[in-house]
PDB file of N, CA and C in Angstrom:
ATOM      1  N   UNK A   1       0.293   0.128  -9.792  1.00  0.00           N
ATOM      2  CA  UNK A   1       1.023  -0.993 -10.115  1.00  0.00           C
ATOM      3  C   UNK A   1       1.566  -1.449  -9.085  1.00  0.00           C
ATOM      4  N   UNK A   2       3.020  -1.070  -8.359  1.00  0.00           N
ATOM      5  CA  UNK A   2       2.831  -1.621  -7.096  1.00  0.00           C
ATOM      6  C   UNK A   2       1.856  -1.513  -5.584  1.00  0.00           C
ATOM      7  N   UNK A   3       1.402  -1.080  -5.923  1.00  0.00           N
ATOM      8  CA  UNK A   3       0.079  -1.028  -5.020  1.00  0.00           C
ATOM      9  C   UNK A   3      -0.539  -2.249  -5.499  1.00  0.00           C
ATOM     10  N   UNK A   4      -0.670  -2.409  -6.159  1.00  0.00           N
ATOM     11  CA  UNK A   4      -1.936  -3.770  -6.338  1.00  0.00           C
ATOM     12  C   UNK A   4      -1.237  -4.779  -6.762  1.00  0.00           C
ATOM     13  N   UNK A   5       0.140  -4.939  -6.307  1.00  0.00           N
ATOM     14  CA  UNK A   5       1.480  -6.481  -6.688  1.00  0.00           C
ATOM     15  C   UNK A   5       1.368  -6.316  -4.688  1.00  0.00           C
ATOM     16  N   UNK A   6       2.054  -5.521  -3.988  1.00  0.00           N
ATOM     17  CA  UNK A   6       1.504  -5.399  -3.213  1.00  0.00           C
ATOM     18  C   UNK A   6       0.162  -6.297  -1.918  1.00  0.00           C
ATOM     19  N   UNK A   7      -0.326  -5.910  -3.285  1.00  0.00           N
ATOM     20  CA  UNK A   7      -2.009  -6.403  -1.931  1.00  0.00           C
ATOM     21  C   UNK A   7      -2.005  -8.033  -2.400  1.00  0.00           C
ATOM     22  N   UNK A   8      -1.618  -8.333  -3.406  1.00  0.00           N
ATOM     23  CA  UNK A   8      -1.899  -9.823  -3.934  1.00  0.00           C
ATOM     24  C   UNK A   8      -1.106 -10.595  -3.065  1.00  0.00           C
ATOM     25  N   UNK A   9       0.694  -9.802  -2.820  1.00  0.00           N
ATOM     26  CA  UNK A   9       1.777 -10.528  -2.054  1.00  0.00           C
ATOM     27  C   UNK A   9       1.369 -10.669  -0.849  1.00  0.00           C
ATOM     28  N   UNK A  10       0.779  -9.699   0.304  1.00  0.00           N
ATOM     29  CA  UNK A  10       0.069  -9.874   0.945  1.00  0.00           C
ATOM     30  C   UNK A  10      -0.966 -10.619   1.990  1.00  0.00           C
ATOM     31  N   UNK A  11      -2.057 -10.523   0.791  1.00  0.00           N
ATOM     32  CA  UNK A  11      -2.918 -11.402   1.276  1.00  0.00           C
ATOM     33  C   UNK A  11      -3.027 -12.534   0.759  1.00  0.00           C
ATOM     34  N   UNK A  12      -2.070 -13.286   0.139  1.00  0.00           N
ATOM     35  CA  UNK A  12      -1.390 -14.207  -0.531  1.00  0.00           C
ATOM     36  C   UNK A  12      -1.550 -14.872   1.618  1.00  0.00           C
ATOM     37  N   UNK A  13      -0.143 -13.516   2.258  1.00  0.00           N
ATOM     38  CA  UNK A  13       0.651 -13.729   2.850  1.00  0.00           C
ATOM     39  C   UNK A  13      -0.195 -14.578   4.243  1.00  0.00           C
ATOM     40  N   UNK A  14      -1.516 -13.591   4.671  1.00  0.00           N
ATOM     41  CA  UNK A  14      -2.231 -13.106   5.675  1.00  0.00           C
ATOM     42  C   UNK A  14      -3.501 -14.420   5.090  1.00  0.00           C
ATOM     43  N   UNK A  15      -3.443 -15.292   4.388  1.00  0.00           N
ATOM     44  CA  UNK A  15      -3.378 -16.493   4.302  1.00  0.00           C
ATOM     45  C   UNK A  15      -3.427 -17.750   4.022  1.00  0.00           C
ATOM     46  N   UNK A  16      -2.289 -18.220   4.241  1.00  0.00           N
ATOM     47  CA  UNK A  16      -0.699 -18.745   4.888  1.00  0.00           C
ATOM     48  C   UNK A  16      -0.605 -18.449   6.405  1.00  0.00           C
ATOM     49  N   UNK A  17      -0.458 -17.124   6.276  1.00  0.00           N
ATOM     50  CA  UNK A  17       0.277 -17.029   7.787  1.00  0.00           C
ATOM     51  C   UNK A  17      -1.347 -15.704   9.402  1.00  0.00           C
ATOM     52  N   UNK A  18      -1.135 -16.754  10.337  1.00  0.00           N
ATOM     53  CA  UNK A  18      -2.449 -15.446  11.282  1.00  0.00           C
ATOM     54  C   UNK A  18      -2.087 -14.172  11.511  1.00  0.00           C
ATOM     55  N   UNK A  19      -0.429 -14.924  11.566  1.00  0.00           N
ATOM     56  CA  UNK A  19       0.079 -12.826  12.363  1.00  0.00           C
ATOM     57  C   UNK A  19       0.453 -12.170  12.057  1.00  0.00           C
ATOM     58  N   UNK A  20      -0.117 -11.942  11.028  1.00  0.00           N
ATOM     59  CA  UNK A  20      -0.145 -10.710  10.277  1.00  0.00           C
ATOM     60  C   UNK A  20      -0.411  -9.505   9.568  1.00  0.00           C
ATOM     61  N   UNK A  21      -1.566  -9.456  10.967  1.00  0.00           N
ATOM     62  CA  UNK A  21      -2.812  -8.734  11.023  1.00  0.00           C
ATOM     63  C   UNK A  21      -2.223  -6.883  10.802  1.00  0.00           C
ATOM     64  N   UNK A  22      -1.424  -6.889  12.464  1.00  0.00           N
ATOM     65  CA  UNK A  22      -0.996  -5.330  12.701  1.00  0.00           C
ATOM     66  C   UNK A  22       0.070  -5.116  11.466  1.00  0.00           C
ATOM     67  N   UNK A  23       0.748  -5.809  11.525  1.00  0.00           N
ATOM     68  CA  UNK A  23       1.829  -4.957  10.157  1.00  0.00           C
ATOM     69  C   UNK A  23       0.490  -5.239   9.031  1.00  0.00           C
ATOM     70  N   UNK A  24       0.389  -5.916   8.717  1.00  0.00           N
ATOM     71  CA  UNK A  24      -0.581  -5.610   7.050  1.00  0.00           C
ATOM     72  C   UNK A  24      -2.237  -3.963   7.302  1.00  0.00           C
ATOM     73  N   UNK A  25      -2.270  -3.777   8.626  1.00  0.00           N
ATOM     74  CA  UNK A  25      -2.453  -2.596   8.605  1.00  0.00           C
ATOM     75  C   UNK A  25      -2.229  -1.472   8.380  1.00  0.00           C
ATOM     76  N   UNK A  26      -0.476  -1.604   9.173  1.00  0.00           N
ATOM     77  CA  UNK A  26       0.075  -1.006   8.954  1.00  0.00           C
ATOM     78  C   UNK A  26       0.961  -0.170   7.822  1.00  0.00           C
ATOM     79  N   UNK A  27       1.028  -1.931   7.025  1.00  0.00           N
ATOM     80  CA  UNK A  27       1.686  -1.147   5.299  1.00  0.00           C
ATOM     81  C   UNK A  27       0.126  -0.680   4.683  1.00  0.00           C
ATOM     82  N   UNK A  28      -1.608  -1.275   5.183  1.00  0.00           N
ATOM     83  CA  UNK A  28      -2.060  -0.533   3.859  1.00  0.00           C
ATOM     84  C   UNK A  28      -1.738   0.763   5.011  1.00  0.00           C
ATOM     85  N   UNK A  29      -1.558   1.443   5.022  1.00  0.00           N
ATOM     86  CA  UNK A  29      -1.508   2.983   5.973  1.00  0.00           C
ATOM     87  C   UNK A  29      -0.683   3.833   5.444  1.00  0.00           C
ATOM     88  N   UNK A  30       0.790   2.794   5.109  1.00  0.00           N
ATOM     89  CA  UNK A  30       1.950   4.100   4.665  1.00  0.00           C
ATOM     90  C   UNK A  30       1.811   3.628   2.955  1.00  0.00           C
ATOM     91  N   UNK A  31       1.313   3.209   2.796  1.00  0.00           N
ATOM     92  CA  UNK A  31       0.894   2.946   0.990  1.00  0.00           C
ATOM     93  C   UNK A  31      -0.350   3.459   0.859  1.00  0.00           C
ATOM     94  N   UNK A  32      -1.636   3.647   1.514  1.00  0.00           N
ATOM     95  CA  UNK A  32      -2.104   4.741   0.699  1.00  0.00           C
ATOM     96  C   UNK A  32      -1.636   6.396   1.336  1.00  0.00           C
ATOM     97  N   UNK A  33      -0.427   6.891   2.156  1.00  0.00           N
ATOM     98  CA  UNK A  33      -0.643   7.921   2.915  1.00  0.00           C
ATOM     99  C   UNK A  33       1.416   8.031   1.047  1.00  0.00           C
ATOM    100  N   UNK A  34       1.228   6.941   0.853  1.00  0.00           N
ATOM    101  CA  UNK A  34       2.498   7.775  -0.203  1.00  0.00           C
ATOM    102  C   UNK A  34       1.417   7.149  -1.867  1.00  0.00           C
ATOM    103  N   UNK A  35       0.533   6.935  -1.365  1.00  0.00           N
ATOM    104  CA  UNK A  35       0.248   7.140  -3.162  1.00  0.00           C
ATOM    105  C   UNK A  35      -0.846   9.069  -2.568  1.00  0.00           C
ATOM    106  N   UNK A  36      -1.261   8.870  -1.758  1.00  0.00           N
ATOM    107  CA  UNK A  36      -1.128  10.727  -1.422  1.00  0.00           C
ATOM    108  C   UNK A  36      -0.577  11.148  -2.166  1.00  0.00           C
ATOM    109  N   UNK A  37       0.640  11.699  -1.352  1.00  0.00           N
ATOM    110  CA  UNK A  37       2.102  12.152  -1.869  1.00  0.00           C
ATOM    111  C   UNK A  37       2.608  12.590  -3.078  1.00  0.00           C
ATOM    112  N   UNK A  38       2.349  10.709  -3.958  1.00  0.00           N
ATOM    113  CA  UNK A  38       2.366  10.646  -5.417  1.00  0.00           C
ATOM    114  C   UNK A  38       2.028  11.830  -5.852  1.00  0.00           C
ATOM    115  N   UNK A  39      -0.140  11.687  -4.864  1.00  0.00           N
ATOM    116  CA  UNK A  39      -0.947  11.844  -6.978  1.00  0.00           C
ATOM    117  C   UNK A  39      -0.320  13.499  -6.658  1.00  0.00           C
ATOM    118  N   UNK A  40      -0.852  14.006  -5.761  1.00  0.00           N
ATOM    119  CA  UNK A  40      -0.371  15.222  -4.872  1.00  0.00           C
ATOM    120  C   UNK A  40       1.089  15.716  -6.086  1.00  0.00           C
ATOM    121  N   UNK A  41       1.828  14.990  -5.742  1.00  0.00           N
ATOM    122  CA  UNK A  41       3.283  15.965  -5.797  1.00  0.00           C
ATOM    123  C   UNK A  41       3.348  16.066  -8.291  1.00  0.00           C
ATOM    124  N   UNK A  42       2.507  14.921  -8.508  1.00  0.00           N
ATOM    125  CA  UNK A  42       1.645  14.975  -9.793  1.00  0.00           C
ATOM    126  C   UNK A  42       0.896  16.191 -10.346  1.00  0.00           C
ATOM    127  N   UNK A  43      -0.126  15.874  -9.646  1.00  0.00           N
ATOM    128  CA  UNK A  43      -1.067  17.046 -10.013  1.00  0.00           C
ATOM    129  C   UNK A  43      -0.072  18.294 -10.116  1.00  0.00           C
ATOM    130  N   UNK A  44       0.856  18.304  -8.483  1.00  0.00           N
ATOM    131  CA  UNK A  44       1.411  20.222  -8.463  1.00  0.00           C
ATOM    132  C   UNK A  44       2.525  20.412  -9.707  1.00  0.00           C
ATOM    133  N   UNK A  45       3.163  19.300 -10.324  1.00  0.00           N
ATOM    134  CA  UNK A  45       3.852  19.754 -11.449  1.00  0.00           C
ATOM    135  C   UNK A  45       3.269  19.755 -13.377  1.00  0.00           C
ATOM    136  N   UNK A  46       1.930  19.178 -12.335  1.00  0.00           N
ATOM    137  CA  UNK A  46       1.341  20.121 -14.681  1.00  0.00           C
ATOM    138  C   UNK A  46       1.016  22.169 -14.133  1.00  0.00           C
ATOM    139  N   UNK A  47       1.031  22.381 -13.078  1.00  0.00           N
ATOM    140  CA  UNK A  47       0.772  23.246 -13.494  1.00  0.00           C
ATOM    141  C   UNK A  47       2.172  24.559 -14.084  1.00  0.00           C
TER     142      UNK A  47
END
């Protein structure tokens, strides 16, 4: 849910500000890594 909210905020900001390209890409990669880590932790706790 937080990833969706962050995505909406950053898409809006990227439309208004043109120099967010690199920052937005870095943020997407970090969110993907954290999402993967949380999925792994959640799956490990089910065993």
